[in-house]
Amino acid sequence: MPLDHTAKGVYVIAPTPFHPDGRVDEASTDRMTDFFLQSGCDGMTILGVMGEAPKLDGAESLEISRRIIRRAGKAGIIVGVTAPGFAAMRALAHGVMEAGAAGVMIAPPSHLRHDEAIVGYFHQAVEAIGTDIPWVLQDYPQLFQVQMTPGIIRRIVTELPSCVMLKHEDWPGLEKISALRKFQAEGSMRPISILCGNGGIFLDFEMERGADGAMTGYAFPDMLVELVRLAQAGERDRAHDLFDAHLPLIRYELQPGVGLAVRKYVLMRRGVLASDAQRRPGAAMSAKARDEVEYLLARLGRHDPRARLSPPA
């Protein structure tokens, strides 16, 4: 089903599995897809920042997308199509939509420095991919160095009807969610889905501010699913208790540079990935860092049985 403004739940950000020699690991890709969906995720977002998309060539990006879309069945798959030029963006967007993707995600290039340039860029992007493709606006100023105020987001949503979702990754960003929901309540902005990133570090309160769920990676996506469901059911204390138990590992995984290595390591420890390898260039975990992650997993296991893993080989 095409993505629309009613999307909610967890659309987990998927890493790209690699063999130690840099080849795409197809068996781990299938196992990862099954694991995410069996964990209760409503969909997946692939070829995002944590999917090492810039390290893939065009053919690899399309083939990985097709493989995951086929495997996922009716689950919604969103594909990151951000590219330096619109020709590559258009080719990948059309290819994945033809394969059955639910929608695509677009981030602003880092050179945009004023409001008119930001709005103009997204007009050009939609013109390139076509107005019939639903898309997600990625707001991640810490990485892309582009500041989008609530007013600019409202303008983009208003002027470009095919924008149906915001991936909210501003930090601090709780007031931005409240402002956007206020626009919606007063009728000055049409409804959109808001899913939140940043490794889930603020997901407990983001849900209370009006977010529809999470679009982030974490080595325990099944916890994100449970947290979102508790929050939607109004189980505030249970949601915060669950979040608090996982917060030390969430924080550790959120480290710039090494965060993807941590996530892949824990997914490997959970039996999802055969290897925690990244395609070069990539930051590897030190032996000390692995010891720290094992310590965090052991502590988490006191509260959540999902973290009670067999000792590493």
Protein backbone atom coordinates (compact mmCIF):
# COMPACT_ATOMS: atom_id res chain seq x y z
CA MET A 1 0.00 0.00 0.00
CA PRO A 2 1.31 3.50 -0.80
CA LEU A 3 2.45 5.49 2.22
CA ASP A 4 0.03 8.11 3.52
CA HIS A 5 -0.46 10.45 6.47
CA THR A 6 -2.07 7.75 8.62
CA ALA A 7 1.16 5.73 8.95
CA LYS A 8 2.08 4.96 12.55
CA GLY A 9 4.02 2.49 14.64
CA VAL A 10 7.65 1.55 14.01
CA TYR A 11 9.41 1.77 10.66
CA VAL A 12 12.80 0.50 11.71
CA ILE A 13 15.91 1.91 10.04
CA ALA A 14 17.67 -1.11 8.57
CA PRO A 15 21.45 -1.47 8.30
CA THR A 16 22.89 -3.06 5.19
CA PRO A 17 24.46 -6.44 6.04
CA PHE A 18 27.93 -7.06 4.63
CA HIS A 19 30.40 -9.91 4.63
CA PRO A 20 33.81 -9.09 6.12
CA ASP A 21 35.19 -8.67 2.60
CA GLY A 22 32.62 -5.97 1.78
CA ARG A 23 30.16 -8.02 -0.28
CA VAL A 24 26.46 -7.63 0.45
CA ASP A 25 25.31 -10.48 2.71
CA GLU A 26 22.06 -11.65 1.12
CA ALA A 27 21.32 -14.38 3.69
CA SER A 28 21.65 -11.90 6.56
CA THR A 29 19.51 -9.42 4.64
CA ASP A 30 16.70 -11.99 4.46
CA ARG A 31 17.11 -12.95 8.11
CA MET A 32 17.14 -9.29 9.17
CA THR A 33 13.97 -8.55 7.21
CA ASP A 34 12.20 -11.50 8.84
CA PHE A 35 13.44 -10.49 12.30
CA PHE A 36 12.25 -6.89 12.02
CA LEU A 37 8.79 -7.90 10.87
CA GLN A 38 8.50 -10.71 13.43
CA SER A 39 9.44 -8.10 16.06
CA GLY A 40 6.23 -6.27 15.18
CA CYS A 41 7.60 -3.47 13.05
CA ASP A 42 5.04 -1.97 10.70
CA GLY A 43 7.68 -1.41 8.05
CA MET A 44 11.32 -0.72 7.32
CA THR A 45 13.28 2.22 6.03
CA ILE A 46 16.26 1.14 3.97
CA LEU A 47 19.21 2.94 2.37
CA GLY A 48 19.16 5.62 5.03
CA VAL A 49 22.12 7.16 6.84
CA MET A 50 22.69 4.03 8.92
CA GLY A 51 22.19 1.84 5.86
CA GLU A 52 25.56 2.94 4.44
CA ALA A 53 23.76 4.04 1.29
CA PRO A 54 26.63 6.19 -0.05
CA LYS A 55 28.85 3.09 -0.09
CA LEU A 56 26.52 1.28 -2.53
CA ASP A 57 26.44 1.76 -6.27
CA GLY A 58 23.18 2.31 -8.11
CA ALA A 59 22.72 -1.31 -9.12
CA GLU A 60 23.37 -2.56 -5.58
CA SER A 61 20.91 -0.06 -4.10
CA LEU A 62 18.16 -1.18 -6.43
CA GLU A 63 18.86 -4.89 -5.97
CA ILE A 64 18.91 -4.67 -2.16
CA SER A 65 15.67 -2.69 -2.25
CA ARG A 66 13.98 -5.22 -4.50
CA ARG A 67 15.13 -8.11 -2.32
CA ILE A 68 13.79 -6.58 0.89
CA ILE A 69 10.52 -5.47 -0.73
CA ARG A 70 9.91 -9.00 -2.04
CA ARG A 71 10.72 -10.52 1.33
CA ALA A 72 8.61 -8.07 3.34
CA GLY A 73 5.36 -8.82 1.55
CA LYS A 74 2.66 -6.38 2.63
CA ALA A 75 4.85 -4.48 5.12
CA GLY A 76 5.62 -0.91 4.15
CA ILE A 77 9.13 -0.35 2.83
CA ILE A 78 10.43 3.20 2.56
CA VAL A 79 13.61 3.73 0.55
CA GLY A 80 16.05 6.58 1.03
CA VAL A 81 16.68 8.11 -2.39
CA THR A 82 18.72 11.16 -1.40
CA ALA A 83 21.44 11.71 -3.99
CA PRO A 84 23.77 14.50 -5.14
CA GLY A 85 21.81 14.85 -8.38
CA PHE A 86 18.18 14.49 -9.37
CA ALA A 87 18.85 11.97 -12.16
CA ALA A 88 20.07 9.36 -9.67
CA MET A 89 17.25 10.24 -7.27
CA ARG A 90 14.64 9.83 -10.00
CA ALA A 91 16.07 6.52 -11.24
CA LEU A 92 16.15 4.93 -7.79
CA ALA A 93 12.74 6.32 -6.79
CA HIS A 94 11.07 4.97 -9.92
CA GLY A 95 12.87 1.64 -9.62
CA VAL A 96 11.85 0.97 -6.03
CA MET A 97 8.27 2.15 -6.52
CA GLU A 98 7.92 -0.18 -9.48
CA ALA A 99 9.20 -2.96 -7.21
CA GLY A 100 6.47 -2.23 -4.65
CA ALA A 101 7.95 0.25 -2.17
CA ALA A 102 5.47 2.24 -0.06
CA GLY A 103 7.32 5.51 -0.55
CA VAL A 104 10.70 7.23 -0.56
CA MET A 105 12.62 9.48 1.82
CA ILE A 106 14.43 12.68 0.83
CA ALA A 107 16.88 14.74 2.89
CA PRO A 108 18.07 18.26 2.07
CA PRO A 109 21.64 18.77 0.84
CA SER A 110 23.91 20.50 3.34
CA HIS A 111 24.52 23.62 1.23
CA LEU A 112 20.99 24.98 1.70
CA ARG A 113 21.20 28.05 3.92
CA HIS A 114 17.93 29.97 3.71
CA ASP A 115 14.22 29.22 3.64
CA GLU A 116 13.60 29.87 -0.05
CA ALA A 117 16.47 27.60 -1.03
CA ILE A 118 15.10 24.81 1.16
CA VAL A 119 11.57 25.06 -0.21
CA GLY A 120 12.87 25.41 -3.76
CA TYR A 121 15.00 22.30 -3.44
CA PHE A 122 12.07 20.11 -2.43
CA HIS A 123 9.95 21.52 -5.26
CA GLN A 124 12.68 20.46 -7.67
CA ALA A 125 13.02 17.04 -6.02
CA VAL A 126 9.28 16.36 -6.36
CA GLU A 127 9.35 17.55 -9.95
CA ALA A 128 12.18 15.08 -10.57
CA ILE A 129 10.60 11.99 -9.02
CA GLY A 130 6.99 12.82 -9.89
CA THR A 131 4.07 14.08 -7.85
CA ASP A 132 2.54 10.59 -7.64
CA ILE A 133 5.26 9.19 -5.36
CA PRO A 134 4.58 9.65 -1.61
CA TRP A 135 7.64 10.83 0.24
CA VAL A 136 9.09 11.41 3.68
CA LEU A 137 10.74 14.71 4.59
CA GLN A 138 13.87 13.95 6.63
CA ASP A 139 14.63 16.69 9.16
CA TYR A 140 18.06 15.90 10.63
CA PRO A 141 19.87 19.21 11.18
CA GLN A 142 22.66 17.71 13.29
CA LEU A 143 23.87 15.74 10.27
CA PHE A 144 22.70 17.71 7.23
CA GLN A 145 23.29 21.18 8.74
CA VAL A 146 19.98 22.44 7.37
CA GLN A 147 17.63 24.16 9.81
CA MET A 148 13.93 23.72 9.02
CA THR A 149 11.60 25.64 11.31
CA PRO A 150 8.05 24.41 11.95
CA GLY A 151 6.87 27.17 9.62
CA ILE A 152 9.07 25.95 6.77
CA ILE A 153 7.95 22.36 7.30
CA ARG A 154 4.33 23.56 7.18
CA ARG A 155 5.06 25.37 3.93
CA ILE A 156 6.67 22.30 2.35
CA VAL A 157 3.74 20.11 3.43
CA THR A 158 1.23 22.67 2.15
CA GLU A 159 2.87 23.30 -1.21
CA LEU A 160 3.81 19.67 -1.93
CA PRO A 161 0.85 17.33 -1.29
CA SER A 162 2.90 14.19 -1.97
CA CYS A 163 4.82 14.83 1.27
CA VAL A 164 2.95 12.59 3.72
CA MET A 165 5.40 12.07 6.56
CA LEU A 166 8.06 13.87 8.57
CA LYS A 167 11.05 11.95 9.87
CA HIS A 168 11.69 14.10 12.92
CA GLU A 169 15.31 14.09 14.08
CA ASP A 170 15.81 17.60 15.43
CA TRP A 171 17.48 17.78 18.83
CA PRO A 172 16.08 19.26 20.97
CA GLY A 173 12.88 18.80 19.02
CA LEU A 174 9.98 18.25 21.38
CA GLU A 175 8.68 21.79 20.91
CA LYS A 176 8.81 21.33 17.13
CA ILE A 177 6.44 18.36 17.37
CA SER A 178 4.07 20.38 19.54
CA ALA A 179 4.16 23.29 17.08
CA LEU A 180 3.39 21.07 14.10
CA ARG A 181 0.51 19.37 15.88
CA LYS A 182 -0.82 22.81 16.85
CA PHE A 183 -0.76 23.83 13.16
CA GLN A 184 -2.70 20.68 12.37
CA ALA A 185 -5.24 21.25 15.16
CA GLU A 186 -5.93 24.84 14.11
CA GLY A 187 -6.30 23.84 10.46
CA SER A 188 -3.30 25.70 9.07
CA MET A 189 -1.53 22.46 8.05
CA ARG A 190 -3.00 19.23 6.74
CA PRO A 191 -2.37 16.09 8.79
CA ILE A 192 0.94 14.30 8.32
CA SER A 193 2.53 11.32 9.97
CA ILE A 194 5.41 12.13 12.32
CA LEU A 195 7.88 9.35 13.07
CA CYS A 196 10.97 10.06 15.17
CA GLY A 197 14.62 9.11 14.85
CA ASN A 198 17.77 9.91 16.83
CA GLY A 199 18.14 6.32 17.95
CA GLY A 200 14.98 6.61 20.02
CA ILE A 201 16.74 8.79 22.62
CA PHE A 202 13.65 10.98 23.17
CA LEU A 203 10.96 8.57 22.01
CA ASP A 204 9.28 8.37 25.42
CA PHE A 205 8.36 12.06 25.41
CA GLU A 206 8.08 12.37 21.62
CA MET A 207 5.11 10.03 21.76
CA GLU A 208 3.50 12.21 24.42
CA ARG A 209 4.00 15.30 22.23
CA GLY A 210 2.05 13.75 19.38
CA ALA A 211 4.46 11.59 17.39
CA ASP A 212 2.92 8.60 15.61
CA GLY A 213 5.83 6.31 16.30
CA ALA A 214 9.48 5.71 15.54
CA MET A 215 11.60 5.63 12.41
CA THR A 216 14.95 4.80 13.85
CA GLY A 217 17.41 2.02 14.28
CA TYR A 218 18.13 0.25 17.54
CA ALA A 219 19.36 -3.26 18.16
CA PHE A 220 16.11 -4.00 20.03
CA PRO A 221 13.39 -2.91 17.59
CA ASP A 222 10.98 -5.18 19.45
CA MET A 223 11.40 -2.84 22.44
CA LEU A 224 10.56 0.18 20.25
CA VAL A 225 7.40 -1.60 19.12
CA GLU A 226 6.41 -2.33 22.70
CA LEU A 227 7.15 1.23 23.82
CA VAL A 228 5.07 2.78 21.04
CA ARG A 229 2.14 0.48 21.80
CA LEU A 230 2.30 1.28 25.54
CA ALA A 231 2.40 5.00 24.81
CA GLN A 232 -0.52 4.79 22.40
CA ALA A 233 -2.50 2.87 25.03
CA GLY A 234 -1.84 5.57 27.63
CA GLU A 235 0.35 3.28 29.76
CA ARG A 236 2.70 6.12 30.64
CA ASP A 237 4.58 4.63 33.59
CA ARG A 238 5.06 1.24 31.91
CA ALA A 239 6.34 2.96 28.76
CA HIS A 240 8.85 5.02 30.73
CA ASP A 241 9.96 2.04 32.82
CA LEU A 242 10.72 0.08 29.65
CA PHE A 243 12.49 3.05 28.08
CA ASP A 244 14.56 3.69 31.21
CA ALA A 245 15.83 0.10 31.24
CA HIS A 246 17.12 0.44 27.67
CA LEU A 247 18.38 4.02 27.90
CA PRO A 248 22.05 3.21 28.74
CA LEU A 249 22.37 1.00 25.65
CA ILE A 250 20.43 3.48 23.49
CA ARG A 251 22.82 6.21 24.60
CA TYR A 252 25.89 4.08 23.93
CA GLU A 253 24.62 3.13 20.48
CA LEU A 254 23.97 6.78 19.65
CA GLN A 255 27.66 7.72 19.67
CA PRO A 256 28.73 9.48 16.45
CA GLY A 257 31.01 7.39 14.30
CA VAL A 258 30.96 4.13 16.23
CA GLY A 259 27.18 3.89 16.68
CA LEU A 260 26.56 1.74 13.61
CA ALA A 261 29.32 -0.64 14.70
CA VAL A 262 27.59 -1.04 18.07
CA ARG A 263 24.21 -1.66 16.48
CA LYS A 264 25.56 -4.24 14.06
CA TYR A 265 27.48 -5.95 16.85
CA VAL A 266 24.37 -6.36 19.01
CA LEU A 267 22.31 -7.53 16.03
CA MET A 268 25.04 -10.10 15.37
CA ARG A 269 24.91 -11.16 19.02
CA ARG A 270 21.13 -11.56 18.70
CA GLY A 271 21.66 -13.90 15.74
CA VAL A 272 20.29 -11.53 13.11
CA LEU A 273 23.50 -10.70 11.25
CA ALA A 274 26.27 -13.16 10.47
CA SER A 275 28.85 -10.39 10.76
CA ASP A 276 29.04 -6.88 12.19
CA ALA A 277 31.14 -5.79 9.21
CA GLN A 278 30.75 -2.40 7.60
CA ARG A 279 31.81 -1.58 4.08
CA ARG A 280 34.90 0.61 4.13
CA PRO A 281 35.36 3.29 5.25
CA GLY A 282 33.81 2.50 8.60
CA ALA A 283 34.57 2.84 12.30
CA ALA A 284 35.20 -0.45 14.09
CA MET A 285 34.64 -1.22 17.77
CA SER A 286 37.65 -1.73 19.98
CA ALA A 287 37.92 -4.71 22.31
CA LYS A 288 37.21 -2.34 25.20
CA ALA A 289 34.06 -1.07 23.52
CA ARG A 290 32.82 -4.65 23.01
CA ASP A 291 33.40 -5.33 26.70
CA GLU A 292 31.36 -2.25 27.58
CA VAL A 293 28.50 -3.32 25.32
CA GLU A 294 28.52 -6.79 26.87
CA TYR A 295 28.34 -5.16 30.31
CA LEU A 296 25.36 -3.05 29.21
CA LEU A 297 23.63 -6.11 27.76
CA ALA A 298 24.13 -8.02 31.01
CA ARG A 299 22.66 -5.15 33.02
CA LEU A 300 19.74 -4.80 30.61
CA GLY A 301 19.10 -8.53 30.87
CA ARG A 302 18.15 -8.08 34.52
CA HIS A 303 15.07 -6.17 33.36
CA ASP A 304 14.42 -7.41 29.83
CA PRO A 305 14.87 -11.09 28.92
CA ARG A 306 15.49 -10.16 25.28
CA ALA A 307 18.96 -9.02 26.33
CA ARG A 308 19.87 -12.31 28.04
CA LEU A 309 22.19 -13.59 25.35
CA SER A 310 24.56 -16.52 25.37
CA PRO A 311 28.19 -15.57 26.03
CA PRO A 312 30.01 -14.47 22.87
CA ALA A 313 32.09 -17.12 21.14
